[in-house]
Amino acid sequence: MDIALTAVFKKVPEGYVGYVEELPGANTQGSTLEEARENLLEAVELVLEANRTLARQQAGQTDIIREPLRAARG
């Protein structure tokens, strides 16, 4: 099983706005569709990093196990 995210782009007078359906907070804009795509990838990275930071702060010094999770199977 592969996990795939859905990028949604909408044409607006200023260019394009975009967001990821499955990742709240990952949204952006760009003058061109290509710029919006590039900006959306950066937004996803920033949201994931912010979520990691928040999760680590909330976990504190508790006894936890942290390990990589692969998104593709097969």
PDB file of N, CA and C in Angstrom:
ATOM      1  N   MET A   1       0.849  -1.178   0.000  1.00  0.00           N
ATOM      2  CA  MET A   1       0.000   0.000   0.000  1.00  0.00           C
ATOM      3  C   MET A   1       0.889   1.233   0.000  1.00  0.00           C
ATOM      4  N   ASP A   2       0.616   2.158  -0.889  1.00  0.00           N
ATOM      5  CA  ASP A   2       1.294   3.451  -0.901  1.00  0.00           C
ATOM      6  C   ASP A   2       0.354   4.498  -0.336  1.00  0.00           C
ATOM      7  N   ILE A   3       0.902   5.397   0.432  1.00  0.00           N
ATOM      8  CA  ILE A   3       0.110   6.515   0.923  1.00  0.00           C
ATOM      9  C   ILE A   3       0.370   7.700  -0.007  1.00  0.00           C
ATOM     10  N   ALA A   4      -0.685   8.216  -0.582  1.00  0.00           N
ATOM     11  CA  ALA A   4      -0.571   9.350  -1.488  1.00  0.00           C
ATOM     12  C   ALA A   4      -1.411  10.504  -0.949  1.00  0.00           C
ATOM     13  N   LEU A   5      -0.865  11.688  -1.047  1.00  0.00           N
ATOM     14  CA  LEU A   5      -1.589  12.886  -0.631  1.00  0.00           C
ATOM     15  C   LEU A   5      -2.183  13.558  -1.866  1.00  0.00           C
ATOM     16  N   THR A   6      -3.205  14.361  -1.656  1.00  0.00           N
ATOM     17  CA  THR A   6      -3.886  15.019  -2.763  1.00  0.00           C
ATOM     18  C   THR A   6      -3.642  16.519  -2.719  1.00  0.00           C
ATOM     19  N   ALA A   7      -2.970  17.031  -3.748  1.00  0.00           N
ATOM     20  CA  ALA A   7      -2.763  18.471  -3.881  1.00  0.00           C
ATOM     21  C   ALA A   7      -3.915  19.037  -4.703  1.00  0.00           C
ATOM     22  N   VAL A   8      -4.495  20.126  -4.222  1.00  0.00           N
ATOM     23  CA  VAL A   8      -5.606  20.777  -4.910  1.00  0.00           C
ATOM     24  C   VAL A   8      -5.165  22.198  -5.246  1.00  0.00           C
ATOM     25  N   PHE A   9      -5.355  22.603  -6.503  1.00  0.00           N
ATOM     26  CA  PHE A   9      -4.986  23.946  -6.948  1.00  0.00           C
ATOM     27  C   PHE A   9      -6.201  24.621  -7.562  1.00  0.00           C
ATOM     28  N   LYS A  10      -6.325  25.904  -7.301  1.00  0.00           N
ATOM     29  CA  LYS A  10      -7.433  26.680  -7.839  1.00  0.00           C
ATOM     30  C   LYS A  10      -6.882  27.953  -8.459  1.00  0.00           C
ATOM     31  N   LYS A  11      -7.332  28.239  -9.676  1.00  0.00           N
ATOM     32  CA  LYS A  11      -6.936  29.458 -10.363  1.00  0.00           C
ATOM     33  C   LYS A  11      -7.673  30.635  -9.752  1.00  0.00           C
ATOM     34  N   VAL A  12      -6.925  31.682  -9.406  1.00  0.00           N
ATOM     35  CA  VAL A  12      -7.483  32.928  -8.872  1.00  0.00           C
ATOM     36  C   VAL A  12      -6.873  34.080  -9.671  1.00  0.00           C
ATOM     37  N   PRO A  13      -7.424  35.276  -9.564  1.00  0.00           N
ATOM     38  CA  PRO A  13      -6.890  36.392 -10.354  1.00  0.00           C
ATOM     39  C   PRO A  13      -5.383  36.636 -10.151  1.00  0.00           C
ATOM     40  N   GLU A  14      -4.872  36.357  -8.952  1.00  0.00           N
ATOM     41  CA  GLU A  14      -3.457  36.597  -8.657  1.00  0.00           C
ATOM     42  C   GLU A  14      -2.553  35.451  -9.086  1.00  0.00           C
ATOM     43  N   GLY A  15      -3.116  34.325  -9.502  1.00  0.00           N
ATOM     44  CA  GLY A  15      -2.331  33.149  -9.886  1.00  0.00           C
ATOM     45  C   GLY A  15      -3.043  31.883  -9.466  1.00  0.00           C
ATOM     46  N   TYR A  16      -2.440  31.156  -8.514  1.00  0.00           N
ATOM     47  CA  TYR A  16      -3.017  29.901  -8.035  1.00  0.00           C
ATOM     48  C   TYR A  16      -2.889  29.807  -6.521  1.00  0.00           C
ATOM     49  N   VAL A  17      -3.874  29.199  -5.896  1.00  0.00           N
ATOM     50  CA  VAL A  17      -3.783  28.813  -4.490  1.00  0.00           C
ATOM     51  C   VAL A  17      -3.831  27.295  -4.464  1.00  0.00           C
ATOM     52  N   GLY A  18      -3.175  26.722  -3.464  1.00  0.00           N
ATOM     53  CA  GLY A  18      -3.146  25.271  -3.373  1.00  0.00           C
ATOM     54  C   GLY A  18      -3.127  24.814  -1.931  1.00  0.00           C
ATOM     55  N   TYR A  19      -3.583  23.589  -1.728  1.00  0.00           N
ATOM     56  CA  TYR A  19      -3.556  22.987  -0.403  1.00  0.00           C
ATOM     57  C   TYR A  19      -3.527  21.477  -0.542  1.00  0.00           C
ATOM     58  N   VAL A  20      -3.216  20.803   0.559  1.00  0.00           N
ATOM     59  CA  VAL A  20      -3.224  19.343   0.610  1.00  0.00           C
ATOM     60  C   VAL A  20      -4.443  18.922   1.410  1.00  0.00           C
ATOM     61  N   GLU A  21      -5.320  18.146   0.773  1.00  0.00           N
ATOM     62  CA  GLU A  21      -6.580  17.752   1.411  1.00  0.00           C
ATOM     63  C   GLU A  21      -6.363  17.042   2.739  1.00  0.00           C
ATOM     64  N   GLU A  22      -5.367  16.183   2.810  1.00  0.00           N
ATOM     65  CA  GLU A  22      -5.184  15.331   3.976  1.00  0.00           C
ATOM     66  C   GLU A  22      -4.286  15.941   5.059  1.00  0.00           C
ATOM     67  N   LEU A  23      -3.771  17.135   4.836  1.00  0.00           N
ATOM     68  CA  LEU A  23      -2.821  17.723   5.780  1.00  0.00           C
ATOM     69  C   LEU A  23      -3.222  19.160   6.093  1.00  0.00           C
ATOM     70  N   PRO A  24      -4.074  19.340   7.099  1.00  0.00           N
ATOM     71  CA  PRO A  24      -4.498  20.694   7.460  1.00  0.00           C
ATOM     72  C   PRO A  24      -3.300  21.599   7.729  1.00  0.00           C
ATOM     73  N   GLY A  25      -3.372  22.795   7.221  1.00  0.00           N
ATOM     74  CA  GLY A  25      -2.302  23.763   7.412  1.00  0.00           C
ATOM     75  C   GLY A  25      -1.324  23.824   6.260  1.00  0.00           C
ATOM     76  N   ALA A  26      -1.339  22.823   5.392  1.00  0.00           N
ATOM     77  CA  ALA A  26      -0.448  22.826   4.228  1.00  0.00           C
ATOM     78  C   ALA A  26      -1.174  23.516   3.079  1.00  0.00           C
ATOM     79  N   ASN A  27      -0.949  24.816   2.968  1.00  0.00           N
ATOM     80  CA  ASN A  27      -1.569  25.583   1.891  1.00  0.00           C
ATOM     81  C   ASN A  27      -0.617  26.679   1.449  1.00  0.00           C
ATOM     82  N   THR A  28      -0.839  27.177   0.236  1.00  0.00           N
ATOM     83  CA  THR A  28       0.091  28.144  -0.329  1.00  0.00           C
ATOM     84  C   THR A  28      -0.540  28.861  -1.517  1.00  0.00           C
ATOM     85  N   GLN A  29       0.272  29.670  -2.148  1.00  0.00           N
ATOM     86  CA  GLN A  29      -0.143  30.354  -3.374  1.00  0.00           C
ATOM     87  C   GLN A  29       1.073  30.565  -4.240  1.00  0.00           C
ATOM     88  N   GLY A  30       0.835  30.914  -5.506  1.00  0.00           N
ATOM     89  CA  GLY A  30       1.928  31.204  -6.427  1.00  0.00           C
ATOM     90  C   GLY A  30       1.416  31.932  -7.642  1.00  0.00           C
ATOM     91  N   SER A  31       2.301  32.656  -8.291  1.00  0.00           N
ATOM     92  CA  SER A  31       1.922  33.396  -9.498  1.00  0.00           C
ATOM     93  C   SER A  31       1.596  32.454 -10.649  1.00  0.00           C
ATOM     94  N   THR A  32       2.292  31.306 -10.684  1.00  0.00           N
ATOM     95  CA  THR A  32       2.062  30.295 -11.709  1.00  0.00           C
ATOM     96  C   THR A  32       1.723  28.974 -11.022  1.00  0.00           C
ATOM     97  N   LEU A  33       1.212  28.039 -11.792  1.00  0.00           N
ATOM     98  CA  LEU A  33       0.905  26.723 -11.237  1.00  0.00           C
ATOM     99  C   LEU A  33       2.184  26.047 -10.763  1.00  0.00           C
ATOM    100  N   GLU A  34       3.259  26.163 -11.512  1.00  0.00           N
ATOM    101  CA  GLU A  34       4.528  25.553 -11.115  1.00  0.00           C
ATOM    102  C   GLU A  34       5.040  26.154  -9.809  1.00  0.00           C
ATOM    103  N   GLU A  35       4.942  27.462  -9.664  1.00  0.00           N
ATOM    104  CA  GLU A  35       5.358  28.115  -8.420  1.00  0.00           C
ATOM    105  C   GLU A  35       4.504  27.648  -7.249  1.00  0.00           C
ATOM    106  N   ALA A  36       3.206  27.530  -7.469  1.00  0.00           N
ATOM    107  CA  ALA A  36       2.310  27.059  -6.414  1.00  0.00           C
ATOM    108  C   ALA A  36       2.667  25.622  -6.013  1.00  0.00           C
ATOM    109  N   ARG A  37       3.003  24.781  -6.990  1.00  0.00           N
ATOM    110  CA  ARG A  37       3.401  23.399  -6.689  1.00  0.00           C
ATOM    111  C   ARG A  37       4.673  23.374  -5.831  1.00  0.00           C
ATOM    112  N   GLU A  38       5.666  24.154  -6.225  1.00  0.00           N
ATOM    113  CA  GLU A  38       6.914  24.210  -5.465  1.00  0.00           C
ATOM    114  C   GLU A  38       6.662  24.729  -4.050  1.00  0.00           C
ATOM    115  N   ASN A  39       5.856  25.783  -3.946  1.00  0.00           N
ATOM    116  CA  ASN A  39       5.547  26.352  -2.634  1.00  0.00           C
ATOM    117  C   ASN A  39       4.781  25.369  -1.760  1.00  0.00           C
ATOM    118  N   LEU A  40       3.924  24.552  -2.385  1.00  0.00           N
ATOM    119  CA  LEU A  40       3.148  23.587  -1.611  1.00  0.00           C
ATOM    120  C   LEU A  40       4.053  22.503  -1.021  1.00  0.00           C
ATOM    121  N   LEU A  41       5.045  22.073  -1.767  1.00  0.00           N
ATOM    122  CA  LEU A  41       5.997  21.098  -1.227  1.00  0.00           C
ATOM    123  C   LEU A  41       6.716  21.674  -0.012  1.00  0.00           C
ATOM    124  N   GLU A  42       7.108  22.931  -0.094  1.00  0.00           N
ATOM    125  CA  GLU A  42       7.751  23.580   1.041  1.00  0.00           C
ATOM    126  C   GLU A  42       6.790  23.690   2.228  1.00  0.00           C
ATOM    127  N   ALA A  43       5.535  24.024   1.944  1.00  0.00           N
ATOM    128  CA  ALA A  43       4.534  24.135   3.009  1.00  0.00           C
ATOM    129  C   ALA A  43       4.345  22.790   3.709  1.00  0.00           C
ATOM    130  N   VAL A  44       4.324  21.701   2.960  1.00  0.00           N
ATOM    131  CA  VAL A  44       4.188  20.367   3.548  1.00  0.00           C
ATOM    132  C   VAL A  44       5.372  20.088   4.468  1.00  0.00           C
ATOM    133  N   GLU A  45       6.573  20.392   4.010  1.00  0.00           N
ATOM    134  CA  GLU A  45       7.765  20.179   4.837  1.00  0.00           C
ATOM    135  C   GLU A  45       7.674  20.991   6.136  1.00  0.00           C
ATOM    136  N   LEU A  46       7.245  22.243   6.036  1.00  0.00           N
ATOM    137  CA  LEU A  46       7.142  23.100   7.211  1.00  0.00           C
ATOM    138  C   LEU A  46       6.087  22.606   8.196  1.00  0.00           C
ATOM    139  N   VAL A  47       4.948  22.155   7.687  1.00  0.00           N
ATOM    140  CA  VAL A  47       3.889  21.641   8.556  1.00  0.00           C
ATOM    141  C   VAL A  47       4.365  20.376   9.266  1.00  0.00           C
ATOM    142  N   LEU A  48       5.020  19.481   8.543  1.00  0.00           N
ATOM    143  CA  LEU A  48       5.507  18.249   9.168  1.00  0.00           C
ATOM    144  C   LEU A  48       6.556  18.550  10.235  1.00  0.00           C
ATOM    145  N   GLU A  49       7.457  19.477   9.954  1.00  0.00           N
ATOM    146  CA  GLU A  49       8.473  19.840  10.941  1.00  0.00           C
ATOM    147  C   GLU A  49       7.834  20.480  12.175  1.00  0.00           C
ATOM    148  N   ALA A  50       6.859  21.350  11.966  1.00  0.00           N
ATOM    149  CA  ALA A  50       6.164  21.972  13.096  1.00  0.00           C
ATOM    150  C   ALA A  50       5.438  20.920  13.926  1.00  0.00           C
ATOM    151  N   ASN A  51       4.827  19.942  13.259  1.00  0.00           N
ATOM    152  CA  ASN A  51       4.131  18.871  13.979  1.00  0.00           C
ATOM    153  C   ASN A  51       5.111  18.025  14.782  1.00  0.00           C
ATOM    154  N   ARG A  52       6.298  17.741  14.199  1.00  0.00           N
ATOM    155  CA  ARG A  52       7.315  16.981  14.933  1.00  0.00           C
ATOM    156  C   ARG A  52       7.737  17.732  16.188  1.00  0.00           C
ATOM    157  N   THR A  53       8.006  19.016  16.036  1.00  0.00           N
ATOM    158  CA  THR A  53       8.439  19.829  17.160  1.00  0.00           C
ATOM    159  C   THR A  53       7.383  19.843  18.260  1.00  0.00           C
ATOM    160  N   LEU A  54       6.144  20.062  17.882  1.00  0.00           N
ATOM    161  CA  LEU A  54       5.051  20.094  18.853  1.00  0.00           C
ATOM    162  C   LEU A  54       4.897  18.746  19.558  1.00  0.00           C
ATOM    163  N   ALA A  55       4.975  17.668  18.804  1.00  0.00           N
ATOM    164  CA  ALA A  55       4.832  16.333  19.395  1.00  0.00           C
ATOM    165  C   ALA A  55       5.943  16.059  20.392  1.00  0.00           C
ATOM    166  N   ARG A  56       7.156  16.466  20.074  1.00  0.00           N
ATOM    167  CA  ARG A  56       8.289  16.253  20.991  1.00  0.00           C
ATOM    168  C   ARG A  56       8.138  17.087  22.256  1.00  0.00           C
ATOM    169  N   GLN A  57       7.647  18.300  22.097  1.00  0.00           N
ATOM    170  CA  GLN A  57       7.419  19.148  23.274  1.00  0.00           C
ATOM    171  C   GLN A  57       6.340  18.549  24.173  1.00  0.00           C
ATOM    172  N   GLN A  58       5.272  18.051  23.572  1.00  0.00           N
ATOM    173  CA  GLN A  58       4.179  17.482  24.347  1.00  0.00           C
ATOM    174  C   GLN A  58       4.574  16.168  25.010  1.00  0.00           C
ATOM    175  N   ALA A  59       5.451  15.393  24.373  1.00  0.00           N
ATOM    176  CA  ALA A  59       5.872  14.111  24.933  1.00  0.00           C
ATOM    177  C   ALA A  59       6.793  14.313  26.127  1.00  0.00           C
ATOM    178  N   GLY A  60       7.538  15.402  26.114  1.00  0.00           N
ATOM    179  CA  GLY A  60       8.446  15.672  27.222  1.00  0.00           C
ATOM    180  C   GLY A  60       9.467  14.567  27.398  1.00  0.00           C
ATOM    181  N   GLN A  61       9.716  14.203  28.639  1.00  0.00           N
ATOM    182  CA  GLN A  61      10.722  13.184  28.960  1.00  0.00           C
ATOM    183  C   GLN A  61      10.102  11.814  29.204  1.00  0.00           C
ATOM    184  N   THR A  62       8.893  11.590  28.720  1.00  0.00           N
ATOM    185  CA  THR A  62       8.248  10.296  28.948  1.00  0.00           C
ATOM    186  C   THR A  62       8.979   9.195  28.196  1.00  0.00           C
ATOM    187  N   ASP A  63       8.705   7.960  28.578  1.00  0.00           N
ATOM    188  CA  ASP A  63       9.321   6.796  27.947  1.00  0.00           C
ATOM    189  C   ASP A  63       8.592   6.507  26.643  1.00  0.00           C
ATOM    190  N   ILE A  64       9.149   6.966  25.544  1.00  0.00           N
ATOM    191  CA  ILE A  64       8.510   6.781  24.235  1.00  0.00           C
ATOM    192  C   ILE A  64       9.483   6.113  23.273  1.00  0.00           C
ATOM    193  N   ILE A  65       8.923   5.549  22.230  1.00  0.00           N
ATOM    194  CA  ILE A  65       9.712   4.958  21.151  1.00  0.00           C
ATOM    195  C   ILE A  65       9.418   5.764  19.897  1.00  0.00           C
ATOM    196  N   ARG A  66      10.459   6.245  19.269  1.00  0.00           N
ATOM    197  CA  ARG A  66      10.320   7.033  18.047  1.00  0.00           C
ATOM    198  C   ARG A  66      11.057   6.280  16.944  1.00  0.00           C
ATOM    199  N   GLU A  67      10.375   5.992  15.828  1.00  0.00           N
ATOM    200  CA  GLU A  67      10.995   5.262  14.725  1.00  0.00           C
ATOM    201  C   GLU A  67      10.420   5.732  13.394  1.00  0.00           C
ATOM    202  N   PRO A  68      11.175   5.545  12.313  1.00  0.00           N
ATOM    203  CA  PRO A  68      10.671   5.930  10.981  1.00  0.00           C
ATOM    204  C   PRO A  68       9.461   5.085  10.582  1.00  0.00           C
ATOM    205  N   LEU A  69       8.577   5.676   9.840  1.00  0.00           N
ATOM    206  CA  LEU A  69       7.406   4.983   9.292  1.00  0.00           C
ATOM    207  C   LEU A  69       7.463   5.116   7.778  1.00  0.00           C
ATOM    208  N   ARG A  70       7.586   4.017   7.101  1.00  0.00           N
ATOM    209  CA  ARG A  70       7.647   4.049   5.636  1.00  0.00           C
ATOM    210  C   ARG A  70       6.235   4.120   5.083  1.00  0.00           C
ATOM    211  N   ALA A  71       6.024   4.953   4.096  1.00  0.00           N
ATOM    212  CA  ALA A  71       4.695   5.161   3.545  1.00  0.00           C
ATOM    213  C   ALA A  71       4.379   4.245   2.378  1.00  0.00           C
ATOM    214  N   ALA A  72       5.356   3.474   1.890  1.00  0.00           N
ATOM    215  CA  ALA A  72       5.125   2.595   0.738  1.00  0.00           C
ATOM    216  C   ALA A  72       5.335   1.148   1.149  1.00  0.00           C
ATOM    217  N   ARG A  73       4.491   0.286   0.644  1.00  0.00           N
ATOM    218  CA  ARG A  73       4.610  -1.160   0.872  1.00  0.00           C
ATOM    219  C   ARG A  73       4.637  -1.878  -0.469  1.00  0.00           C
ATOM    220  N   GLY A  74       5.286  -3.024  -0.479  1.00  0.00           N
ATOM    221  CA  GLY A  74       5.223  -3.876  -1.655  1.00  0.00           C
ATOM    222  C   GLY A  74       6.415  -3.907  -2.492  1.00  0.00           C
TER     223      GLY A  74
END
